Amino acid sequence: MLGSLAKYVANFAAKLLFEAGQAKPVGVKIWKNMAKSQATFMKKQLEKNRLKKKEDKEQRKLERQQNSTSGDLENMMAYVNEFGEITSTPPEKK
């Protein structure tokens, strides 16, 4: 139903343009090709955007890895002193 309606609208528009002297008779085939080329263009644009996002994400990942502080266990340790307070320095051995 929708396909036949689209053909009707395309033919009607082409007929109006032809009668107004603005265009040569245009068939439905040209309209389909225009839609197909727009769809192909959109697919290419979406693919470009997807690849750009992927490259940006990889770049950010590399920057994080290069600028990261050392994540060793010593830097992550927390100690509790004799007063019950959390400190970053280990207690003194007696």
Foldseek 3Di string as FASTA:
>chain_A
DVVVVVQVVVQVVQVVCVVVVNDDRDHVVVVVVVVVVVVVVVVVVVVVVVVVVVVVVVVVVVVCVVPPDDPDPLQVDWDADPVRDIDSDYDDDD
